[in-house]
Amino acid sequence: MRELLKQAITEACSTCVYCSHAVKIAVNGKQLALHLLAEHRFQLTLDQEQLPLETIVELLKGRLTELEDAFFNCDSYDNASTPDEPPKFMKHYECFQCR
């Protein structure tokens, strides 16, 4: 589910300020899923077949409790990663207003 949300962020980050922040700044998984449900409409393709939008909505809504304790961004942080694994830092900074 985290990978699905990260892919959605990657797709929407060029047009959405919240998703743009979620590329670099860790956000709550449940809040991100609720944002995607409220603001974005994505089509998922599985084995060359597009899933209906209702299926995606049900999938996200069904996993909200699981995502409640999840914090991650696309770039470098995921609280589910192993503690031995240090976070990656790209040393690339950008303005969230104008990039």
PDB file of N, CA and C in Angstrom:
ATOM      1  N   MET A   1       0.818  -1.187   0.000  1.00  0.00           N
ATOM      2  CA  MET A   1       0.000   0.000   0.000  1.00  0.00           C
ATOM      3  C   MET A   1       0.868   1.260   0.000  1.00  0.00           C
ATOM      4  N   ARG A   2       1.970   1.214   0.766  1.00  0.00           N
ATOM      5  CA  ARG A   2       2.868   2.373   0.801  1.00  0.00           C
ATOM      6  C   ARG A   2       3.438   2.667  -0.581  1.00  0.00           C
ATOM      7  N   GLU A   3       3.809   1.615  -1.293  1.00  0.00           N
ATOM      8  CA  GLU A   3       4.371   1.805  -2.630  1.00  0.00           C
ATOM      9  C   GLU A   3       3.324   2.386  -3.589  1.00  0.00           C
ATOM     10  N   LEU A   4       2.092   1.966  -3.437  1.00  0.00           N
ATOM     11  CA  LEU A   4       1.004   2.519  -4.254  1.00  0.00           C
ATOM     12  C   LEU A   4       0.843   4.010  -3.981  1.00  0.00           C
ATOM     13  N   LEU A   5       0.866   4.400  -2.712  1.00  0.00           N
ATOM     14  CA  LEU A   5       0.742   5.808  -2.369  1.00  0.00           C
ATOM     15  C   LEU A   5       1.945   6.609  -2.857  1.00  0.00           C
ATOM     16  N   LYS A   6       3.126   6.037  -2.743  1.00  0.00           N
ATOM     17  CA  LYS A   6       4.322   6.732  -3.233  1.00  0.00           C
ATOM     18  C   LYS A   6       4.256   6.947  -4.741  1.00  0.00           C
ATOM     19  N   GLN A   7       3.748   5.972  -5.462  1.00  0.00           N
ATOM     20  CA  GLN A   7       3.605   6.125  -6.916  1.00  0.00           C
ATOM     21  C   GLN A   7       2.586   7.215  -7.242  1.00  0.00           C
ATOM     22  N   ALA A   8       1.502   7.267  -6.477  1.00  0.00           N
ATOM     23  CA  ALA A   8       0.484   8.298  -6.687  1.00  0.00           C
ATOM     24  C   ALA A   8       1.061   9.681  -6.418  1.00  0.00           C
ATOM     25  N   ILE A   9       1.867   9.802  -5.355  1.00  0.00           N
ATOM     26  CA  ILE A   9       2.516  11.082  -5.055  1.00  0.00           C
ATOM     27  C   ILE A   9       3.408  11.501  -6.213  1.00  0.00           C
ATOM     28  N   THR A  10       4.186  10.567  -6.709  1.00  0.00           N
ATOM     29  CA  THR A  10       5.103  10.859  -7.808  1.00  0.00           C
ATOM     30  C   THR A  10       4.351  11.375  -9.029  1.00  0.00           C
ATOM     31  N   GLU A  11       3.189  10.815  -9.294  1.00  0.00           N
ATOM     32  CA  GLU A  11       2.396  11.247 -10.443  1.00  0.00           C
ATOM     33  C   GLU A  11       1.778  12.629 -10.239  1.00  0.00           C
ATOM     34  N   ALA A  12       1.389  12.943  -9.012  1.00  0.00           N
ATOM     35  CA  ALA A  12       0.644  14.181  -8.755  1.00  0.00           C
ATOM     36  C   ALA A  12       1.516  15.330  -8.270  1.00  0.00           C
ATOM     37  N   CYS A  13       2.779  15.097  -7.990  1.00  0.00           N
ATOM     38  CA  CYS A  13       3.601  16.128  -7.352  1.00  0.00           C
ATOM     39  C   CYS A  13       3.823  17.364  -8.210  1.00  0.00           C
ATOM     40  N   SER A  14       3.693  17.246  -9.494  1.00  0.00           N
ATOM     41  CA  SER A  14       3.914  18.420 -10.340  1.00  0.00           C
ATOM     42  C   SER A  14       2.720  19.369 -10.352  1.00  0.00           C
ATOM     43  N   THR A  15       1.548  18.893  -9.940  1.00  0.00           N
ATOM     44  CA  THR A  15       0.358  19.743  -9.986  1.00  0.00           C
ATOM     45  C   THR A  15      -0.266  19.995  -8.618  1.00  0.00           C
ATOM     46  N   CYS A  16       0.237  19.362  -7.565  1.00  0.00           N
ATOM     47  CA  CYS A  16      -0.386  19.465  -6.246  1.00  0.00           C
ATOM     48  C   CYS A  16       0.668  19.828  -5.208  1.00  0.00           C
ATOM     49  N   VAL A  17       0.427  20.880  -4.450  1.00  0.00           N
ATOM     50  CA  VAL A  17       1.382  21.335  -3.441  1.00  0.00           C
ATOM     51  C   VAL A  17       1.551  20.291  -2.337  1.00  0.00           C
ATOM     52  N   TYR A  18       0.451  19.701  -1.865  1.00  0.00           N
ATOM     53  CA  TYR A  18       0.538  18.697  -0.793  1.00  0.00           C
ATOM     54  C   TYR A  18       1.376  17.502  -1.256  1.00  0.00           C
ATOM     55  N   CYS A  19       1.121  17.016  -2.439  1.00  0.00           N
ATOM     56  CA  CYS A  19       1.884  15.877  -2.964  1.00  0.00           C
ATOM     57  C   CYS A  19       3.341  16.251  -3.207  1.00  0.00           C
ATOM     58  N   SER A  20       3.580  17.490  -3.619  1.00  0.00           N
ATOM     59  CA  SER A  20       4.945  17.965  -3.809  1.00  0.00           C
ATOM     60  C   SER A  20       5.716  17.946  -2.496  1.00  0.00           C
ATOM     61  N   HIS A  21       5.059  18.362  -1.408  1.00  0.00           N
ATOM     62  CA  HIS A  21       5.694  18.300  -0.096  1.00  0.00           C
ATOM     63  C   HIS A  21       5.959  16.858   0.321  1.00  0.00           C
ATOM     64  N   ALA A  22       5.045  15.958  -0.013  1.00  0.00           N
ATOM     65  CA  ALA A  22       5.164  14.558   0.401  1.00  0.00           C
ATOM     66  C   ALA A  22       6.305  13.830  -0.309  1.00  0.00           C
ATOM     67  N   VAL A  23       6.864  14.426  -1.337  1.00  0.00           N
ATOM     68  CA  VAL A  23       8.038  13.832  -1.982  1.00  0.00           C
ATOM     69  C   VAL A  23       9.238  13.936  -1.052  1.00  0.00           C
ATOM     70  N   LYS A  24       9.380  15.066  -0.354  1.00  0.00           N
ATOM     71  CA  LYS A  24      10.550  15.312   0.488  1.00  0.00           C
ATOM     72  C   LYS A  24      10.266  15.249   1.979  1.00  0.00           C
ATOM     73  N   ILE A  25       9.032  15.573   2.403  1.00  0.00           N
ATOM     74  CA  ILE A  25       8.699  15.659   3.819  1.00  0.00           C
ATOM     75  C   ILE A  25       7.802  14.479   4.188  1.00  0.00           C
ATOM     76  N   ALA A  26       8.139  13.791   5.271  1.00  0.00           N
ATOM     77  CA  ALA A  26       7.346  12.636   5.706  1.00  0.00           C
ATOM     78  C   ALA A  26       5.944  13.079   6.123  1.00  0.00           C
ATOM     79  N   VAL A  27       4.953  12.382   5.613  1.00  0.00           N
ATOM     80  CA  VAL A  27       3.553  12.666   5.924  1.00  0.00           C
ATOM     81  C   VAL A  27       2.905  11.401   6.484  1.00  0.00           C
ATOM     82  N   ASN A  28       1.784  11.583   7.141  1.00  0.00           N
ATOM     83  CA  ASN A  28       1.036  10.457   7.683  1.00  0.00           C
ATOM     84  C   ASN A  28       0.341   9.720   6.547  1.00  0.00           C
ATOM     85  N   GLY A  29       0.444   8.403   6.521  1.00  0.00           N
ATOM     86  CA  GLY A  29      -0.126   7.587   5.446  1.00  0.00           C
ATOM     87  C   GLY A  29      -1.635   7.704   5.345  1.00  0.00           C
ATOM     88  N   LYS A  30      -2.315   7.755   6.488  1.00  0.00           N
ATOM     89  CA  LYS A  30      -3.776   7.872   6.469  1.00  0.00           C
ATOM     90  C   LYS A  30      -4.194   9.217   5.887  1.00  0.00           C
ATOM     91  N   GLN A  31      -3.525  10.290   6.318  1.00  0.00           N
ATOM     92  CA  GLN A  31      -3.860  11.616   5.804  1.00  0.00           C
ATOM     93  C   GLN A  31      -3.566  11.720   4.310  1.00  0.00           C
ATOM     94  N   LEU A  32      -2.490  11.079   3.878  1.00  0.00           N
ATOM     95  CA  LEU A  32      -2.163  11.078   2.456  1.00  0.00           C
ATOM     96  C   LEU A  32      -3.222  10.328   1.659  1.00  0.00           C
ATOM     97  N   ALA A  33      -3.656   9.179   2.157  1.00  0.00           N
ATOM     98  CA  ALA A  33      -4.701   8.414   1.467  1.00  0.00           C
ATOM     99  C   ALA A  33      -5.995   9.214   1.396  1.00  0.00           C
ATOM    100  N   LEU A  34      -6.359   9.880   2.493  1.00  0.00           N
ATOM    101  CA  LEU A  34      -7.567  10.712   2.483  1.00  0.00           C
ATOM    102  C   LEU A  34      -7.429  11.871   1.500  1.00  0.00           C
ATOM    103  N   HIS A  35      -6.243  12.451   1.420  1.00  0.00           N
ATOM    104  CA  HIS A  35      -5.998  13.520   0.447  1.00  0.00           C
ATOM    105  C   HIS A  35      -6.173  12.996  -0.979  1.00  0.00           C
ATOM    106  N   LEU A  36      -5.599  11.849  -1.264  1.00  0.00           N
ATOM    107  CA  LEU A  36      -5.705  11.277  -2.611  1.00  0.00           C
ATOM    108  C   LEU A  36      -7.161  10.960  -2.957  1.00  0.00           C
ATOM    109  N   LEU A  37      -7.915  10.466  -1.982  1.00  0.00           N
ATOM    110  CA  LEU A  37      -9.336  10.171  -2.220  1.00  0.00           C
ATOM    111  C   LEU A  37     -10.126  11.450  -2.491  1.00  0.00           C
ATOM    112  N   ALA A  38      -9.806  12.508  -1.764  1.00  0.00           N
ATOM    113  CA  ALA A  38     -10.573  13.748  -1.884  1.00  0.00           C
ATOM    114  C   ALA A  38     -10.185  14.588  -3.098  1.00  0.00           C
ATOM    115  N   GLU A  39      -8.906  14.586  -3.456  1.00  0.00           N
ATOM    116  CA  GLU A  39      -8.417  15.532  -4.455  1.00  0.00           C
ATOM    117  C   GLU A  39      -8.018  14.944  -5.800  1.00  0.00           C
ATOM    118  N   HIS A  40      -7.686  13.672  -5.842  1.00  0.00           N
ATOM    119  CA  HIS A  40      -7.135  13.091  -7.074  1.00  0.00           C
ATOM    120  C   HIS A  40      -7.930  11.865  -7.503  1.00  0.00           C
ATOM    121  N   ARG A  41      -7.962  11.648  -8.774  1.00  0.00           N
ATOM    122  CA  ARG A  41      -8.594  10.448  -9.328  1.00  0.00           C
ATOM    123  C   ARG A  41      -7.528   9.720 -10.144  1.00  0.00           C
ATOM    124  N   PHE A  42      -7.180   8.528  -9.686  1.00  0.00           N
ATOM    125  CA  PHE A  42      -6.154   7.741 -10.352  1.00  0.00           C
ATOM    126  C   PHE A  42      -6.758   6.480 -10.932  1.00  0.00           C
ATOM    127  N   GLN A  43      -6.234   6.057 -12.046  1.00  0.00           N
ATOM    128  CA  GLN A  43      -6.593   4.773 -12.630  1.00  0.00           C
ATOM    129  C   GLN A  43      -5.412   3.830 -12.440  1.00  0.00           C
ATOM    130  N   LEU A  44      -5.663   2.682 -11.869  1.00  0.00           N
ATOM    131  CA  LEU A  44      -4.624   1.680 -11.702  1.00  0.00           C
ATOM    132  C   LEU A  44      -4.717   0.655 -12.809  1.00  0.00           C
ATOM    133  N   THR A  45      -3.572   0.250 -13.303  1.00  0.00           N
ATOM    134  CA  THR A  45      -3.522  -0.788 -14.315  1.00  0.00           C
ATOM    135  C   THR A  45      -2.864  -2.017 -13.694  1.00  0.00           C
ATOM    136  N   LEU A  46      -3.563  -3.131 -13.737  1.00  0.00           N
ATOM    137  CA  LEU A  46      -3.066  -4.378 -13.181  1.00  0.00           C
ATOM    138  C   LEU A  46      -3.165  -5.451 -14.251  1.00  0.00           C
ATOM    139  N   ASP A  47      -2.015  -6.001 -14.631  1.00  0.00           N
ATOM    140  CA  ASP A  47      -1.967  -7.024 -15.683  1.00  0.00           C
ATOM    141  C   ASP A  47      -2.668  -6.551 -16.962  1.00  0.00           C
ATOM    142  N   GLN A  48      -2.310  -5.343 -17.392  1.00  0.00           N
ATOM    143  CA  GLN A  48      -2.817  -4.750 -18.636  1.00  0.00           C
ATOM    144  C   GLN A  48      -4.310  -4.431 -18.585  1.00  0.00           C
ATOM    145  N   GLU A  49      -4.912  -4.445 -17.405  1.00  0.00           N
ATOM    146  CA  GLU A  49      -6.340  -4.160 -17.283  1.00  0.00           C
ATOM    147  C   GLU A  49      -6.540  -3.047 -16.265  1.00  0.00           C
ATOM    148  N   GLN A  50      -7.296  -2.013 -16.640  1.00  0.00           N
ATOM    149  CA  GLN A  50      -7.549  -0.913 -15.723  1.00  0.00           C
ATOM    150  C   GLN A  50      -8.595  -1.307 -14.691  1.00  0.00           C
ATOM    151  N   LEU A  51      -8.282  -1.018 -13.431  1.00  0.00           N
ATOM    152  CA  LEU A  51      -9.224  -1.292 -12.353  1.00  0.00           C
ATOM    153  C   LEU A  51     -10.235  -0.153 -12.264  1.00  0.00           C
ATOM    154  N   PRO A  52     -11.476  -0.451 -11.943  1.00  0.00           N
ATOM    155  CA  PRO A  52     -12.468   0.618 -11.784  1.00  0.00           C
ATOM    156  C   PRO A  52     -12.111   1.525 -10.609  1.00  0.00           C
ATOM    157  N   LEU A  53     -12.485   2.790 -10.701  1.00  0.00           N
ATOM    158  CA  LEU A  53     -12.189   3.758  -9.657  1.00  0.00           C
ATOM    159  C   LEU A  53     -12.763   3.326  -8.309  1.00  0.00           C
ATOM    160  N   GLU A  54     -13.926   2.702  -8.309  1.00  0.00           N
ATOM    161  CA  GLU A  54     -14.547   2.254  -7.062  1.00  0.00           C
ATOM    162  C   GLU A  54     -13.665   1.240  -6.338  1.00  0.00           C
ATOM    163  N   THR A  55     -12.965   0.399  -7.092  1.00  0.00           N
ATOM    164  CA  THR A  55     -12.072  -0.601  -6.501  1.00  0.00           C
ATOM    165  C   THR A  55     -10.920   0.085  -5.779  1.00  0.00           C
ATOM    166  N   ILE A  56     -10.365   1.120  -6.382  1.00  0.00           N
ATOM    167  CA  ILE A  56      -9.260   1.860  -5.782  1.00  0.00           C
ATOM    168  C   ILE A  56      -9.728   2.559  -4.508  1.00  0.00           C
ATOM    169  N   VAL A  57     -10.897   3.181  -4.568  1.00  0.00           N
ATOM    170  CA  VAL A  57     -11.452   3.877  -3.408  1.00  0.00           C
ATOM    171  C   VAL A  57     -11.677   2.896  -2.268  1.00  0.00           C
ATOM    172  N   GLU A  58     -12.252   1.740  -2.560  1.00  0.00           N
ATOM    173  CA  GLU A  58     -12.490   0.723  -1.527  1.00  0.00           C
ATOM    174  C   GLU A  58     -11.181   0.202  -0.953  1.00  0.00           C
ATOM    175  N   LEU A  59     -10.183   0.023  -1.802  1.00  0.00           N
ATOM    176  CA  LEU A  59      -8.878  -0.449  -1.353  1.00  0.00           C
ATOM    177  C   LEU A  59      -8.260   0.550  -0.380  1.00  0.00           C
ATOM    178  N   LEU A  60      -8.265   1.832  -0.723  1.00  0.00           N
ATOM    179  CA  LEU A  60      -7.695   2.852   0.156  1.00  0.00           C
ATOM    180  C   LEU A  60      -8.487   2.971   1.459  1.00  0.00           C
ATOM    181  N   LYS A  61      -9.805   2.992   1.362  1.00  0.00           N
ATOM    182  CA  LYS A  61     -10.630   3.109   2.566  1.00  0.00           C
ATOM    183  C   LYS A  61     -10.444   1.904   3.484  1.00  0.00           C
ATOM    184  N   GLY A  62     -10.252   0.738   2.920  1.00  0.00           N
ATOM    185  CA  GLY A  62     -10.061  -0.465   3.716  1.00  0.00           C
ATOM    186  C   GLY A  62      -8.728  -0.518   4.434  1.00  0.00           C
ATOM    187  N   ARG A  63      -7.772   0.242   3.977  1.00  0.00           N
ATOM    188  CA  ARG A  63      -6.427   0.232   4.577  1.00  0.00           C
ATOM    189  C   ARG A  63      -6.137   1.461   5.438  1.00  0.00           C
ATOM    190  N   LEU A  64      -7.119   2.309   5.706  1.00  0.00           N
ATOM    191  CA  LEU A  64      -6.880   3.534   6.464  1.00  0.00           C
ATOM    192  C   LEU A  64      -6.345   3.259   7.864  1.00  0.00           C
ATOM    193  N   THR A  65      -6.878   2.257   8.548  1.00  0.00           N
ATOM    194  CA  THR A  65      -6.394   1.972   9.904  1.00  0.00           C
ATOM    195  C   THR A  65      -4.953   1.466   9.882  1.00  0.00           C
ATOM    196  N   GLU A  66      -4.612   0.725   8.847  1.00  0.00           N
ATOM    197  CA  GLU A  66      -3.236   0.236   8.695  1.00  0.00           C
ATOM    198  C   GLU A  66      -2.271   1.402   8.454  1.00  0.00           C
ATOM    199  N   LEU A  67      -2.731   2.405   7.726  1.00  0.00           N
ATOM    200  CA  LEU A  67      -1.886   3.541   7.369  1.00  0.00           C
ATOM    201  C   LEU A  67      -1.811   4.603   8.461  1.00  0.00           C
ATOM    202  N   GLU A  68      -2.609   4.447   9.515  1.00  0.00           N
ATOM    203  CA  GLU A  68      -2.667   5.461  10.571  1.00  0.00           C
ATOM    204  C   GLU A  68      -1.316   5.672  11.258  1.00  0.00           C
ATOM    205  N   ASP A  69      -0.531   4.618  11.418  1.00  0.00           N
ATOM    206  CA  ASP A  69       0.765   4.717  12.087  1.00  0.00           C
ATOM    207  C   ASP A  69       1.928   4.787  11.100  1.00  0.00           C
ATOM    208  N   ALA A  70       1.626   4.991   9.830  1.00  0.00           N
ATOM    209  CA  ALA A  70       2.665   5.041   8.801  1.00  0.00           C
ATOM    210  C   ALA A  70       3.068   6.490   8.537  1.00  0.00           C
ATOM    211  N   PHE A  71       4.354   6.726   8.466  1.00  0.00           N
ATOM    212  CA  PHE A  71       4.903   8.028   8.111  1.00  0.00           C
ATOM    213  C   PHE A  71       6.000   7.793   7.088  1.00  0.00           C
ATOM    214  N   PHE A  72       5.911   8.459   5.949  1.00  0.00           N
ATOM    215  CA  PHE A  72       6.903   8.248   4.898  1.00  0.00           C
ATOM    216  C   PHE A  72       6.864   9.391   3.901  1.00  0.00           C
ATOM    217  N   ASN A  73       7.913   9.465   3.092  1.00  0.00           N
ATOM    218  CA  ASN A  73       7.934  10.337   1.919  1.00  0.00           C
ATOM    219  C   ASN A  73       8.460   9.510   0.756  1.00  0.00           C
ATOM    220  N   CYS A  74       8.449  10.069  -0.416  1.00  0.00           N
ATOM    221  CA  CYS A  74       8.914   9.311  -1.591  1.00  0.00           C
ATOM    222  C   CYS A  74      10.428   9.250  -1.663  1.00  0.00           C
ATOM    223  N   ASP A  75      11.054  10.221  -1.084  1.00  0.00           N
ATOM    224  CA  ASP A  75      12.475  10.419  -1.305  1.00  0.00           C
ATOM    225  C   ASP A  75      13.376   9.590  -0.395  1.00  0.00           C
ATOM    226  N   SER A  76      13.181   9.685   0.925  1.00  0.00           N
ATOM    227  CA  SER A  76      14.219   9.152   1.796  1.00  0.00           C
ATOM    228  C   SER A  76      13.744   8.509   3.088  1.00  0.00           C
ATOM    229  N   TYR A  77      12.497   8.616   3.463  1.00  0.00           N
ATOM    230  CA  TYR A  77      12.097   8.151   4.786  1.00  0.00           C
ATOM    231  C   TYR A  77      10.867   7.268   4.733  1.00  0.00           C
ATOM    232  N   ASP A  78      10.912   6.207   5.534  1.00  0.00           N
ATOM    233  CA  ASP A  78       9.758   5.345   5.738  1.00  0.00           C
ATOM    234  C   ASP A  78       9.925   4.735   7.127  1.00  0.00           C
ATOM    235  N   ASN A  79       8.979   4.974   8.037  1.00  0.00           N
ATOM    236  CA  ASN A  79       9.140   4.475   9.399  1.00  0.00           C
ATOM    237  C   ASN A  79       9.039   2.955   9.479  1.00  0.00           C
ATOM    238  N   ALA A  80       8.674   2.286   8.406  1.00  0.00           N
ATOM    239  CA  ALA A  80       8.638   0.825   8.399  1.00  0.00           C
ATOM    240  C   ALA A  80       9.981   0.222   7.995  1.00  0.00           C
ATOM    241  N   SER A  81      10.937   1.048   7.581  1.00  0.00           N
ATOM    242  CA  SER A  81      12.233   0.507   7.177  1.00  0.00           C
ATOM    243  C   SER A  81      12.983   0.014   8.401  1.00  0.00           C
ATOM    244  N   THR A  82      13.948  -0.842   8.169  1.00  0.00           N
ATOM    245  CA  THR A  82      14.699  -1.445   9.267  1.00  0.00           C
ATOM    246  C   THR A  82      15.545  -0.392   9.974  1.00  0.00           C
ATOM    247  N   PRO A  83      15.687  -0.486  11.312  1.00  0.00           N
ATOM    248  CA  PRO A  83      16.455   0.518  12.049  1.00  0.00           C
ATOM    249  C   PRO A  83      17.940   0.525  11.688  1.00  0.00           C
ATOM    250  N   ASP A  84      18.453  -0.585  11.159  1.00  0.00           N
ATOM    251  CA  ASP A  84      19.862  -0.643  10.765  1.00  0.00           C
ATOM    252  C   ASP A  84      20.136   0.179   9.521  1.00  0.00           C
ATOM    253  N   GLU A  85      19.101   0.470   8.804  1.00  0.00           N
ATOM    254  CA  GLU A  85      19.230   1.166   7.527  1.00  0.00           C
ATOM    255  C   GLU A  85      19.105   2.678   7.746  1.00  0.00           C
ATOM    256  N   PRO A  86      20.210   3.429   7.605  1.00  0.00           N
ATOM    257  CA  PRO A  86      20.110   4.880   7.818  1.00  0.00           C
ATOM    258  C   PRO A  86      19.309   5.540   6.691  1.00  0.00           C
ATOM    259  N   PRO A  87      18.631   6.644   6.993  1.00  0.00           N
ATOM    260  CA  PRO A  87      17.876   7.319   5.938  1.00  0.00           C
ATOM    261  C   PRO A  87      18.800   7.877   4.867  1.00  0.00           C
ATOM    262  N   LYS A  88      18.312   7.870   3.636  1.00  0.00           N
ATOM    263  CA  LYS A  88      19.089   8.403   2.518  1.00  0.00           C
ATOM    264  C   LYS A  88      18.850   9.908   2.431  1.00  0.00           C
ATOM    265  N   PHE A  89      19.903  10.666   2.193  1.00  0.00           N
ATOM    266  CA  PHE A  89      19.764  12.092   1.975  1.00  0.00           C
ATOM    267  C   PHE A  89      20.422  12.428   0.650  1.00  0.00           C
ATOM    268  N   MET A  90      19.669  13.086  -0.205  1.00  0.00           N
ATOM    269  CA  MET A  90      20.178  13.384  -1.540  1.00  0.00           C
ATOM    270  C   MET A  90      20.941  14.704  -1.587  1.00  0.00           C
ATOM    271  N   LYS A  91      20.858  15.515  -0.527  1.00  0.00           N
ATOM    272  CA  LYS A  91      21.499  16.822  -0.487  1.00  0.00           C
ATOM    273  C   LYS A  91      21.057  17.679  -1.676  1.00  0.00           C
ATOM    274  N   HIS A  92      19.816  17.536  -2.030  1.00  0.00           N
ATOM    275  CA  HIS A  92      19.229  18.326  -3.095  1.00  0.00           C
ATOM    276  C   HIS A  92      18.060  19.079  -2.473  1.00  0.00           C
ATOM    277  N   TYR A  93      18.122  20.389  -2.520  1.00  0.00           N
ATOM    278  CA  TYR A  93      17.110  21.202  -1.886  1.00  0.00           C
ATOM    279  C   TYR A  93      16.356  21.987  -2.945  1.00  0.00           C
ATOM    280  N   GLU A  94      15.088  22.170  -2.701  1.00  0.00           N
ATOM    281  CA  GLU A  94      14.294  22.951  -3.644  1.00  0.00           C
ATOM    282  C   GLU A  94      13.241  23.726  -2.880  1.00  0.00           C
ATOM    283  N   CYS A  95      12.851  24.847  -3.433  1.00  0.00           N
ATOM    284  CA  CYS A  95      11.796  25.655  -2.852  1.00  0.00           C
ATOM    285  C   CYS A  95      10.458  24.981  -3.156  1.00  0.00           C
ATOM    286  N   PHE A  96       9.615  24.851  -2.136  1.00  0.00           N
ATOM    287  CA  PHE A  96       8.317  24.211  -2.348  1.00  0.00           C
ATOM    288  C   PHE A  96       7.334  25.120  -3.072  1.00  0.00           C
ATOM    289  N   GLN A  97       7.654  26.396  -3.174  1.00  0.00           N
ATOM    290  CA  GLN A  97       6.772  27.336  -3.884  1.00  0.00           C
ATOM    291  C   GLN A  97       7.079  27.359  -5.375  1.00  0.00           C
ATOM    292  N   CYS A  98       8.354  27.506  -5.716  1.00  0.00           N
ATOM    293  CA  CYS A  98       8.694  27.685  -7.144  1.00  0.00           C
ATOM    294  C   CYS A  98       9.603  26.599  -7.689  1.00  0.00           C
ATOM    295  N   ARG A  99      10.025  25.664  -6.849  1.00  0.00           N
ATOM    296  CA  ARG A  99      10.942  24.573  -7.201  1.00  0.00           C
ATOM    297  C   ARG A  99      12.296  25.101  -7.622  1.00  0.00           C
TER     298      ARG A  99
END
